[in-house]
């Protein structure tokens, strides 16, 4: 907050003599500075440069599961054999799901 050093200063006695109306007005001024804004509504208005991908086509090459890989029976992710923790009822379980 900026301070005007040239303005006359109040003494302690004068500060105690402020009217209740002045004190209420100061409190309202401090509270009125707060802005209650919904962040999601504010974010919807922003448009990032290069964010329009509607005309773009994505091409991803998907490989079938390899001989040294397995599909976890709990998380259904494909892992390398080194991530095999155990087999539960004949179904493979990865180290992350076994923990």
PDB file of N, CA and C in Angstrom:
ATOM      1  N   UNK A   1       0.849  -1.173   0.000  1.00  0.00           N
ATOM      2  CA  UNK A   1       0.000   0.000   0.000  1.00  0.00           C
ATOM      3  C   UNK A   1       0.896   1.238   0.000  1.00  0.00           C
ATOM      4  N   UNK A   2       0.586   2.202  -0.816  1.00  0.00           N
ATOM      5  CA  UNK A   2       1.373   3.432  -0.932  1.00  0.00           C
ATOM      6  C   UNK A   2       1.089   4.325   0.273  1.00  0.00           C
ATOM      7  N   UNK A   3       2.124   4.999   0.724  1.00  0.00           N
ATOM      8  CA  UNK A   3       2.000   5.906   1.866  1.00  0.00           C
ATOM      9  C   UNK A   3       2.356   7.316   1.419  1.00  0.00           C
ATOM     10  N   UNK A   4       1.488   8.249   1.768  1.00  0.00           N
ATOM     11  CA  UNK A   4       1.741   9.643   1.469  1.00  0.00           C
ATOM     12  C   UNK A   4       2.426  10.248   2.684  1.00  0.00           C
ATOM     13  N   UNK A   5       3.740  10.454   2.571  1.00  0.00           N
ATOM     14  CA  UNK A   5       4.512  10.953   3.698  1.00  0.00           C
ATOM     15  C   UNK A   5       4.310  12.449   3.941  1.00  0.00           C
ATOM     16  N   UNK A   6       3.707  13.143   2.972  1.00  0.00           N
ATOM     17  CA  UNK A   6       3.467  14.571   3.130  1.00  0.00           C
ATOM     18  C   UNK A   6       2.146  14.856   3.839  1.00  0.00           C
ATOM     19  N   UNK A   7       1.294  13.883   3.949  1.00  0.00           N
ATOM     20  CA  UNK A   7      -0.012  14.092   4.574  1.00  0.00           C
ATOM     21  C   UNK A   7       0.170  14.235   6.082  1.00  0.00           C
ATOM     22  N   UNK A   8      -0.665  15.071   6.711  1.00  0.00           N
ATOM     23  CA  UNK A   8      -0.558  15.214   8.167  1.00  0.00           C
ATOM     24  C   UNK A   8      -0.924  13.906   8.855  1.00  0.00           C
ATOM     25  N   UNK A   9      -0.184  13.585   9.885  1.00  0.00           N
ATOM     26  CA  UNK A   9      -0.395  12.322  10.594  1.00  0.00           C
ATOM     27  C   UNK A   9      -1.251  12.549  11.824  1.00  0.00           C
ATOM     28  N   UNK A  10      -2.047  11.535  12.144  1.00  0.00           N
ATOM     29  CA  UNK A  10      -2.890  11.608  13.334  1.00  0.00           C
ATOM     30  C   UNK A  10      -2.104  11.095  14.528  1.00  0.00           C
ATOM     31  N   UNK A  11      -2.366  11.709  15.662  1.00  0.00           N
ATOM     32  CA  UNK A  11      -1.747  11.234  16.900  1.00  0.00           C
ATOM     33  C   UNK A  11      -2.571  10.070  17.437  1.00  0.00           C
ATOM     34  N   UNK A  12      -2.071   9.418  18.475  1.00  0.00           N
ATOM     35  CA  UNK A  12      -2.800   8.294  19.067  1.00  0.00           C
ATOM     36  C   UNK A  12      -4.157   8.725  19.606  1.00  0.00           C
ATOM     37  N   UNK A  13      -4.235   9.928  20.120  1.00  0.00           N
ATOM     38  CA  UNK A  13      -5.504  10.427  20.641  1.00  0.00           C
ATOM     39  C   UNK A  13      -6.519  10.608  19.519  1.00  0.00           C
ATOM     40  N   UNK A  14      -6.062  11.122  18.381  1.00  0.00           N
ATOM     41  CA  UNK A  14      -6.954  11.336  17.239  1.00  0.00           C
ATOM     42  C   UNK A  14      -7.410  10.011  16.634  1.00  0.00           C
ATOM     43  N   UNK A  15      -6.536   9.019  16.645  1.00  0.00           N
ATOM     44  CA  UNK A  15      -6.933   7.712  16.109  1.00  0.00           C
ATOM     45  C   UNK A  15      -8.041   7.091  16.947  1.00  0.00           C
ATOM     46  N   UNK A  16      -8.006   7.298  18.244  1.00  0.00           N
ATOM     47  CA  UNK A  16      -9.034   6.754  19.127  1.00  0.00           C
ATOM     48  C   UNK A  16     -10.357   7.473  18.988  1.00  0.00           C
ATOM     49  N   UNK A  17     -10.357   8.679  18.402  1.00  0.00           N
ATOM     50  CA  UNK A  17     -11.569   9.478  18.281  1.00  0.00           C
ATOM     51  C   UNK A  17     -12.323   9.236  16.974  1.00  0.00           C
ATOM     52  N   UNK A  18     -11.853   8.308  16.125  1.00  0.00           N
ATOM     53  CA  UNK A  18     -12.569   8.041  14.869  1.00  0.00           C
ATOM     54  C   UNK A  18     -13.986   7.576  15.166  1.00  0.00           C
ATOM     55  N   UNK A  19     -14.906   8.068  14.388  1.00  0.00           N
ATOM     56  CA  UNK A  19     -16.300   7.691  14.611  1.00  0.00           C
ATOM     57  C   UNK A  19     -16.532   6.255  14.146  1.00  0.00           C
ATOM     58  N   UNK A  20     -17.580   5.679  14.667  1.00  0.00           N
ATOM     59  CA  UNK A  20     -17.915   4.301  14.313  1.00  0.00           C
ATOM     60  C   UNK A  20     -18.256   4.192  12.823  1.00  0.00           C
ATOM     61  N   UNK A  21     -18.828   5.262  12.266  1.00  0.00           N
ATOM     62  CA  UNK A  21     -19.163   5.250  10.848  1.00  0.00           C
ATOM     63  C   UNK A  21     -17.907   5.188   9.979  1.00  0.00           C
ATOM     64  N   UNK A  22     -16.870   5.934  10.385  1.00  0.00           N
ATOM     65  CA  UNK A  22     -15.613   5.912   9.639  1.00  0.00           C
ATOM     66  C   UNK A  22     -14.976   4.526   9.691  1.00  0.00           C
ATOM     67  N   UNK A  23     -15.021   3.917  10.875  1.00  0.00           N
ATOM     68  CA  UNK A  23     -14.442   2.584  11.027  1.00  0.00           C
ATOM     69  C   UNK A  23     -15.192   1.545  10.185  1.00  0.00           C
ATOM     70  N   UNK A  24     -16.519   1.659  10.167  1.00  0.00           N
ATOM     71  CA  UNK A  24     -17.310   0.733   9.349  1.00  0.00           C
ATOM     72  C   UNK A  24     -17.013   0.927   7.872  1.00  0.00           C
ATOM     73  N   UNK A  25     -16.864   2.182   7.454  1.00  0.00           N
ATOM     74  CA  UNK A  25     -16.581   2.471   6.053  1.00  0.00           C
ATOM     75  C   UNK A  25     -15.219   1.897   5.654  1.00  0.00           C
ATOM     76  N   UNK A  26     -14.243   2.007   6.537  1.00  0.00           N
ATOM     77  CA  UNK A  26     -12.925   1.438   6.244  1.00  0.00           C
ATOM     78  C   UNK A  26     -12.993  -0.077   6.103  1.00  0.00           C
ATOM     79  N   UNK A  27     -13.770  -0.698   6.975  1.00  0.00           N
ATOM     80  CA  UNK A  27     -13.894  -2.152   6.922  1.00  0.00           C
ATOM     81  C   UNK A  27     -14.571  -2.585   5.622  1.00  0.00           C
ATOM     82  N   UNK A  28     -15.596  -1.879   5.191  1.00  0.00           N
ATOM     83  CA  UNK A  28     -16.289  -2.198   3.943  1.00  0.00           C
ATOM     84  C   UNK A  28     -15.351  -2.015   2.762  1.00  0.00           C
ATOM     85  N   UNK A  29     -14.508  -0.980   2.791  1.00  0.00           N
ATOM     86  CA  UNK A  29     -13.561  -0.745   1.704  1.00  0.00           C
ATOM     87  C   UNK A  29     -12.564  -1.889   1.589  1.00  0.00           C
ATOM     88  N   UNK A  30     -12.097  -2.384   2.717  1.00  0.00           N
ATOM     89  CA  UNK A  30     -11.137  -3.488   2.688  1.00  0.00           C
ATOM     90  C   UNK A  30     -11.778  -4.755   2.135  1.00  0.00           C
ATOM     91  N   UNK A  31     -13.018  -5.016   2.512  1.00  0.00           N
ATOM     92  CA  UNK A  31     -13.707  -6.223   2.066  1.00  0.00           C
ATOM     93  C   UNK A  31     -14.080  -6.119   0.595  1.00  0.00           C
ATOM     94  N   UNK A  32     -14.396  -4.928   0.126  1.00  0.00           N
ATOM     95  CA  UNK A  32     -14.846  -4.776  -1.259  1.00  0.00           C
ATOM     96  C   UNK A  32     -13.739  -5.062  -2.265  1.00  0.00           C
ATOM     97  N   UNK A  33     -12.480  -5.098  -1.821  1.00  0.00           N
ATOM     98  CA  UNK A  33     -11.377  -5.396  -2.720  1.00  0.00           C
ATOM     99  C   UNK A  33     -11.312  -6.869  -3.102  1.00  0.00           C
ATOM    100  N   UNK A  34     -11.944  -7.731  -2.331  1.00  0.00           N
ATOM    101  CA  UNK A  34     -11.926  -9.166  -2.626  1.00  0.00           C
ATOM    102  C   UNK A  34     -12.889  -9.464  -3.769  1.00  0.00           C
ATOM    103  N   UNK A  35     -12.423 -10.271  -4.711  1.00  0.00           N
ATOM    104  CA  UNK A  35     -13.247 -10.630  -5.847  1.00  0.00           C
ATOM    105  C   UNK A  35     -13.549 -12.113  -5.764  1.00  0.00           C
ATOM    106  N   UNK A  36     -14.819 -12.458  -5.810  1.00  0.00           N
ATOM    107  CA  UNK A  36     -15.224 -13.856  -5.791  1.00  0.00           C
ATOM    108  C   UNK A  36     -15.474 -14.276  -7.229  1.00  0.00           C
ATOM    109  N   UNK A  37     -14.522 -14.985  -7.817  1.00  0.00           N
ATOM    110  CA  UNK A  37     -14.608 -15.342  -9.226  1.00  0.00           C
ATOM    111  C   UNK A  37     -14.456 -16.842  -9.373  1.00  0.00           C
ATOM    112  N   UNK A  38     -15.280 -17.427 -10.211  1.00  0.00           N
ATOM    113  CA  UNK A  38     -15.200 -18.856 -10.480  1.00  0.00           C
ATOM    114  C   UNK A  38     -14.058 -19.099 -11.455  1.00  0.00           C
ATOM    115  N   UNK A  39     -13.070 -19.889 -11.044  1.00  0.00           N
ATOM    116  CA  UNK A  39     -11.879 -20.110 -11.858  1.00  0.00           C
ATOM    117  C   UNK A  39     -12.205 -20.827 -13.166  1.00  0.00           C
ATOM    118  N   UNK A  40     -13.140 -21.754 -13.121  1.00  0.00           N
ATOM    119  CA  UNK A  40     -13.460 -22.491 -14.350  1.00  0.00           C
ATOM    120  C   UNK A  40     -14.121 -21.589 -15.387  1.00  0.00           C
ATOM    121  N   UNK A  41     -14.964 -20.688 -14.943  1.00  0.00           N
ATOM    122  CA  UNK A  41     -15.594 -19.760 -15.882  1.00  0.00           C
ATOM    123  C   UNK A  41     -14.568 -18.816 -16.476  1.00  0.00           C
ATOM    124  N   UNK A  42     -13.633 -18.387 -15.673  1.00  0.00           N
ATOM    125  CA  UNK A  42     -12.597 -17.481 -16.163  1.00  0.00           C
ATOM    126  C   UNK A  42     -11.676 -18.197 -17.153  1.00  0.00           C
ATOM    127  N   UNK A  43     -11.391 -19.455 -16.901  1.00  0.00           N
ATOM    128  CA  UNK A  43     -10.484 -20.214 -17.772  1.00  0.00           C
ATOM    129  C   UNK A  43     -11.123 -20.530 -19.120  1.00  0.00           C
ATOM    130  N   UNK A  44     -12.448 -20.613 -19.176  1.00  0.00           N
ATOM    131  CA  UNK A  44     -13.120 -20.919 -20.432  1.00  0.00           C
ATOM    132  C   UNK A  44     -12.959 -19.794 -21.453  1.00  0.00           C
ATOM    133  N   UNK A  45     -12.740 -18.589 -20.986  1.00  0.00           N
ATOM    134  CA  UNK A  45     -12.612 -17.454 -21.880  1.00  0.00           C
ATOM    135  C   UNK A  45     -11.242 -17.341 -22.526  1.00  0.00           C
ATOM    136  N   UNK A  46     -10.262 -18.056 -22.015  1.00  0.00           N
ATOM    137  CA  UNK A  46      -8.915 -17.972 -22.574  1.00  0.00           C
ATOM    138  C   UNK A  46      -8.786 -18.847 -23.807  1.00  0.00           C
ATOM    139  N   UNK A  47      -8.118 -18.334 -24.808  1.00  0.00           N
ATOM    140  CA  UNK A  47      -7.834 -19.130 -25.991  1.00  0.00           C
ATOM    141  C   UNK A  47      -6.326 -19.111 -26.205  1.00  0.00           C
ATOM    142  N   UNK A  48      -5.732 -20.269 -26.116  1.00  0.00           N
ATOM    143  CA  UNK A  48      -4.290 -20.367 -26.259  1.00  0.00           C
ATOM    144  C   UNK A  48      -3.909 -20.391 -27.733  1.00  0.00           C
ATOM    145  N   UNK A  49      -2.808 -19.770 -28.092  1.00  0.00           N
ATOM    146  CA  UNK A  49      -2.383 -19.796 -29.492  1.00  0.00           C
ATOM    147  C   UNK A  49      -1.997 -21.213 -29.895  1.00  0.00           C
ATOM    148  N   UNK A  50      -2.505 -21.640 -31.034  1.00  0.00           N
ATOM    149  CA  UNK A  50      -2.196 -22.971 -31.531  1.00  0.00           C
ATOM    150  C   UNK A  50      -2.977 -24.069 -30.835  1.00  0.00           C
ATOM    151  N   UNK A  51      -4.006 -23.724 -30.072  1.00  0.00           N
ATOM    152  CA  UNK A  51      -4.760 -24.722 -29.330  1.00  0.00           C
ATOM    153  C   UNK A  51      -5.859 -25.375 -30.165  1.00  0.00           C
ATOM    154  N   UNK A  52      -6.184 -24.834 -31.310  1.00  0.00           N
ATOM    155  CA  UNK A  52      -7.224 -25.405 -32.148  1.00  0.00           C
ATOM    156  C   UNK A  52      -6.662 -26.595 -32.915  1.00  0.00           C
ATOM    157  N   UNK A  53      -7.043 -27.776 -32.508  1.00  0.00           N
ATOM    158  CA  UNK A  53      -6.565 -29.004 -33.145  1.00  0.00           C
ATOM    159  C   UNK A  53      -7.680 -29.715 -33.897  1.00  0.00           C
ATOM    160  N   UNK A  54      -8.746 -29.003 -34.227  1.00  0.00           N
ATOM    161  CA  UNK A  54      -9.891 -29.649 -34.863  1.00  0.00           C
ATOM    162  C   UNK A  54      -9.573 -30.184 -36.257  1.00  0.00           C
ATOM    163  N   UNK A  55      -8.619 -29.596 -36.959  1.00  0.00           N
ATOM    164  CA  UNK A  55      -8.289 -30.063 -38.307  1.00  0.00           C
ATOM    165  C   UNK A  55      -7.110 -31.036 -38.317  1.00  0.00           C
ATOM    166  N   UNK A  56      -6.611 -31.383 -37.158  1.00  0.00           N
ATOM    167  CA  UNK A  56      -5.450 -32.264 -37.071  1.00  0.00           C
ATOM    168  C   UNK A  56      -5.883 -33.722 -36.982  1.00  0.00           C
ATOM    169  N   UNK A  57      -5.118 -34.586 -37.629  1.00  0.00           N
ATOM    170  CA  UNK A  57      -5.353 -36.018 -37.517  1.00  0.00           C
ATOM    171  C   UNK A  57      -4.177 -36.626 -36.787  1.00  0.00           C
ATOM    172  N   UNK A  58      -4.488 -37.436 -35.798  1.00  0.00           N
ATOM    173  CA  UNK A  58      -3.438 -38.088 -35.035  1.00  0.00           C
ATOM    174  C   UNK A  58      -3.225 -39.489 -35.596  1.00  0.00           C
ATOM    175  N   UNK A  59      -1.997 -39.836 -35.779  1.00  0.00           N
ATOM    176  CA  UNK A  59      -1.698 -41.194 -36.249  1.00  0.00           C
ATOM    177  C   UNK A  59      -0.762 -41.846 -35.240  1.00  0.00           C
ATOM    178  N   UNK A  60      -1.216 -42.937 -34.680  1.00  0.00           N
ATOM    179  CA  UNK A  60      -0.449 -43.673 -33.691  1.00  0.00           C
ATOM    180  C   UNK A  60      -0.324 -45.106 -34.177  1.00  0.00           C
ATOM    181  N   UNK A  61       0.886 -45.577 -34.138  1.00  0.00           N
ATOM    182  CA  UNK A  61       1.121 -46.959 -34.570  1.00  0.00           C
ATOM    183  C   UNK A  61       0.973 -47.867 -33.349  1.00  0.00           C
ATOM    184  N   UNK A  62       0.021 -48.759 -33.380  1.00  0.00           N
ATOM    185  CA  UNK A  62      -0.238 -49.663 -32.275  1.00  0.00           C
ATOM    186  C   UNK A  62       0.365 -51.014 -32.606  1.00  0.00           C
ATOM    187  N   UNK A  63       1.218 -51.487 -31.706  1.00  0.00           N
ATOM    188  CA  UNK A  63       1.856 -52.786 -31.897  1.00  0.00           C
ATOM    189  C   UNK A  63       1.104 -53.839 -31.097  1.00  0.00           C
ATOM    190  N   UNK A  64       0.969 -55.037 -31.613  1.00  0.00           N
ATOM    191  CA  UNK A  64       0.353 -56.099 -30.820  1.00  0.00           C
ATOM    192  C   UNK A  64       1.276 -56.497 -29.665  1.00  0.00           C
ATOM    193  N   UNK A  65       0.708 -57.150 -28.675  1.00  0.00           N
ATOM    194  CA  UNK A  65       1.505 -57.573 -27.533  1.00  0.00           C
ATOM    195  C   UNK A  65       2.636 -58.482 -27.997  1.00  0.00           C
ATOM    196  N   UNK A  66       3.846 -58.224 -27.529  1.00  0.00           N
ATOM    197  CA  UNK A  66       5.023 -58.980 -27.927  1.00  0.00           C
ATOM    198  C   UNK A  66       5.137 -60.254 -27.085  1.00  0.00           C
ATOM    199  N   UNK A  67       6.032 -61.131 -27.505  1.00  0.00           N
ATOM    200  CA  UNK A  67       6.210 -62.415 -26.821  1.00  0.00           C
ATOM    201  C   UNK A  67       6.739 -62.237 -25.404  1.00  0.00           C
ATOM    202  N   UNK A  68       7.487 -61.174 -25.147  1.00  0.00           N
ATOM    203  CA  UNK A  68       8.043 -60.947 -23.811  1.00  0.00           C
ATOM    204  C   UNK A  68       7.194 -59.991 -22.974  1.00  0.00           C
ATOM    205  N   UNK A  69       5.933 -59.846 -23.305  1.00  0.00           N
ATOM    206  CA  UNK A  69       5.026 -58.958 -22.586  1.00  0.00           C
ATOM    207  C   UNK A  69       3.811 -59.738 -22.095  1.00  0.00           C
ATOM    208  N   UNK A  70       3.124 -59.179 -21.117  1.00  0.00           N
ATOM    209  CA  UNK A  70       1.892 -59.783 -20.604  1.00  0.00           C
ATOM    210  C   UNK A  70       0.904 -58.676 -20.266  1.00  0.00           C
ATOM    211  N   UNK A  71      -0.362 -59.033 -20.178  1.00  0.00           N
ATOM    212  CA  UNK A  71      -1.404 -58.098 -19.780  1.00  0.00           C
ATOM    213  C   UNK A  71      -1.802 -58.418 -18.352  1.00  0.00           C
ATOM    214  N   UNK A  72      -1.680 -57.432 -17.484  1.00  0.00           N
ATOM    215  CA  UNK A  72      -2.024 -57.615 -16.076  1.00  0.00           C
ATOM    216  C   UNK A  72      -3.522 -57.876 -15.945  1.00  0.00           C
ATOM    217  N   UNK A  73      -3.869 -58.836 -15.100  1.00  0.00           N
ATOM    218  CA  UNK A  73      -5.285 -59.192 -14.934  1.00  0.00           C
ATOM    219  C   UNK A  73      -6.042 -58.219 -14.036  1.00  0.00           C
ATOM    220  N   UNK A  74      -5.318 -57.285 -13.384  1.00  0.00           N
ATOM    221  CA  UNK A  74      -5.991 -56.328 -12.499  1.00  0.00           C
ATOM    222  C   UNK A  74      -6.086 -54.937 -13.123  1.00  0.00           C
ATOM    223  N   UNK A  75      -4.975 -54.430 -13.682  1.00  0.00           N
ATOM    224  CA  UNK A  75      -5.001 -53.071 -14.244  1.00  0.00           C
ATOM    225  C   UNK A  75      -5.158 -53.083 -15.770  1.00  0.00           C
ATOM    226  N   UNK A  76      -5.017 -54.255 -16.385  1.00  0.00           N
ATOM    227  CA  UNK A  76      -5.196 -54.449 -17.823  1.00  0.00           C
ATOM    228  C   UNK A  76      -4.198 -53.679 -18.679  1.00  0.00           C
ATOM    229  N   UNK A  77      -3.039 -53.354 -18.092  1.00  0.00           N
ATOM    230  CA  UNK A  77      -1.974 -52.718 -18.852  1.00  0.00           C
ATOM    231  C   UNK A  77      -1.002 -53.783 -19.340  1.00  0.00           C
ATOM    232  N   UNK A  78      -0.384 -53.513 -20.461  1.00  0.00           N
ATOM    233  CA  UNK A  78       0.616 -54.420 -21.004  1.00  0.00           C
ATOM    234  C   UNK A  78       1.968 -54.050 -20.405  1.00  0.00           C
ATOM    235  N   UNK A  79       2.633 -55.033 -19.802  1.00  0.00           N
ATOM    236  CA  UNK A  79       3.921 -54.841 -19.149  1.00  0.00           C
ATOM    237  C   UNK A  79       4.942 -55.806 -19.732  1.00  0.00           C
ATOM    238  N   UNK A  80       6.210 -55.495 -19.517  1.00  0.00           N
ATOM    239  CA  UNK A  80       7.293 -56.406 -19.875  1.00  0.00           C
ATOM    240  C   UNK A  80       7.328 -57.532 -18.844  1.00  0.00           C
ATOM    241  N   UNK A  81       7.820 -58.698 -19.237  1.00  0.00           N
ATOM    242  CA  UNK A  81       7.885 -59.850 -18.342  1.00  0.00           C
ATOM    243  C   UNK A  81       8.639 -59.540 -17.048  1.00  0.00           C
ATOM    244  N   UNK A  82       9.564 -58.613 -17.086  1.00  0.00           N
ATOM    245  CA  UNK A  82      10.313 -58.263 -15.874  1.00  0.00           C
ATOM    246  C   UNK A  82       9.416 -57.641 -14.809  1.00  0.00           C
ATOM    247  N   UNK A  83       8.223 -57.189 -15.172  1.00  0.00           N
ATOM    248  CA  UNK A  83       7.289 -56.574 -14.229  1.00  0.00           C
ATOM    249  C   UNK A  83       6.294 -57.581 -13.646  1.00  0.00           C
ATOM    250  N   UNK A  84       6.420 -58.859 -14.023  1.00  0.00           N
ATOM    251  CA  UNK A  84       5.512 -59.888 -13.532  1.00  0.00           C
ATOM    252  C   UNK A  84       5.840 -60.195 -12.070  1.00  0.00           C
ATOM    253  N   UNK A  85       4.866 -60.035 -11.181  1.00  0.00           N
ATOM    254  CA  UNK A  85       5.068 -60.283  -9.755  1.00  0.00           C
ATOM    255  C   UNK A  85       4.633 -61.692  -9.390  1.00  0.00           C
ATOM    256  N   UNK A  86       3.468 -62.086  -9.864  1.00  0.00           N
ATOM    257  CA  UNK A  86       2.933 -63.407  -9.528  1.00  0.00           C
ATOM    258  C   UNK A  86       1.803 -63.745 -10.484  1.00  0.00           C
ATOM    259  N   UNK A  87       1.336 -64.946 -10.356  1.00  0.00           N
ATOM    260  CA  UNK A  87       0.141 -65.360 -11.089  1.00  0.00           C
ATOM    261  C   UNK A  87      -0.906 -65.717 -10.063  1.00  0.00           C
ATOM    262  N   UNK A  88      -2.047 -65.066 -10.175  1.00  0.00           N
ATOM    263  CA  UNK A  88      -3.143 -65.276  -9.228  1.00  0.00           C
ATOM    264  C   UNK A  88      -4.236 -66.067  -9.938  1.00  0.00           C
ATOM    265  N   UNK A  89      -4.367 -67.343  -9.608  1.00  0.00           N
ATOM    266  CA  UNK A  89      -5.360 -68.195 -10.270  1.00  0.00           C
ATOM    267  C   UNK A  89      -5.029 -68.403 -11.733  1.00  0.00           C
ATOM    268  N   UNK A  90      -3.739 -68.416 -12.057  1.00  0.00           N
ATOM    269  CA  UNK A  90      -3.305 -68.603 -13.437  1.00  0.00           C
ATOM    270  C   UNK A  90      -3.306 -67.321 -14.254  1.00  0.00           C
ATOM    271  N   UNK A  91      -3.681 -66.202 -13.638  1.00  0.00           N
ATOM    272  CA  UNK A  91      -3.719 -64.917 -14.331  1.00  0.00           C
ATOM    273  C   UNK A  91      -2.538 -64.066 -13.874  1.00  0.00           C
ATOM    274  N   UNK A  92      -1.827 -63.438 -14.790  1.00  0.00           N
ATOM    275  CA  UNK A  92      -0.650 -62.635 -14.411  1.00  0.00           C
ATOM    276  C   UNK A  92      -1.032 -61.344 -13.701  1.00  0.00           C
ATOM    277  N   UNK A  93      -0.182 -60.964 -12.714  1.00  0.00           N
ATOM    278  CA  UNK A  93      -0.382 -59.730 -11.946  1.00  0.00           C
ATOM    279  C   UNK A  93       0.950 -58.980 -11.954  1.00  0.00           C
ATOM    280  N   UNK A  94       0.922 -57.688 -12.284  1.00  0.00           N
ATOM    281  CA  UNK A  94       2.137 -56.891 -12.344  1.00  0.00           C
ATOM    282  C   UNK A  94       2.592 -56.502 -10.930  1.00  0.00           C
ATOM    283  N   UNK A  95       3.819 -56.002 -10.821  1.00  0.00           N
ATOM    284  CA  UNK A  95       4.395 -55.625  -9.528  1.00  0.00           C
ATOM    285  C   UNK A  95       3.622 -54.480  -8.862  1.00  0.00           C
ATOM    286  N   UNK A  96       3.113 -53.541  -9.647  1.00  0.00           N
ATOM    287  CA  UNK A  96       2.378 -52.411  -9.079  1.00  0.00           C
ATOM    288  C   UNK A  96       1.073 -52.862  -8.439  1.00  0.00           C
ATOM    289  N   UNK A  97       0.382 -53.798  -9.084  1.00  0.00           N
ATOM    290  CA  UNK A  97      -0.906 -54.266  -8.551  1.00  0.00           C
ATOM    291  C   UNK A  97      -0.699 -55.246  -7.402  1.00  0.00           C
ATOM    292  N   UNK A  98       0.415 -55.941  -7.375  1.00  0.00           N
ATOM    293  CA  UNK A  98       0.687 -56.917  -6.310  1.00  0.00           C
ATOM    294  C   UNK A  98       1.092 -56.225  -5.021  1.00  0.00           C
ATOM    295  N   UNK A  99       1.559 -54.998  -5.111  1.00  0.00           N
ATOM    296  CA  UNK A  99       2.042 -54.289  -3.911  1.00  0.00           C
ATOM    297  C   UNK A  99       0.910 -53.855  -3.019  1.00  0.00           C
TER     298      UNK A  99
END
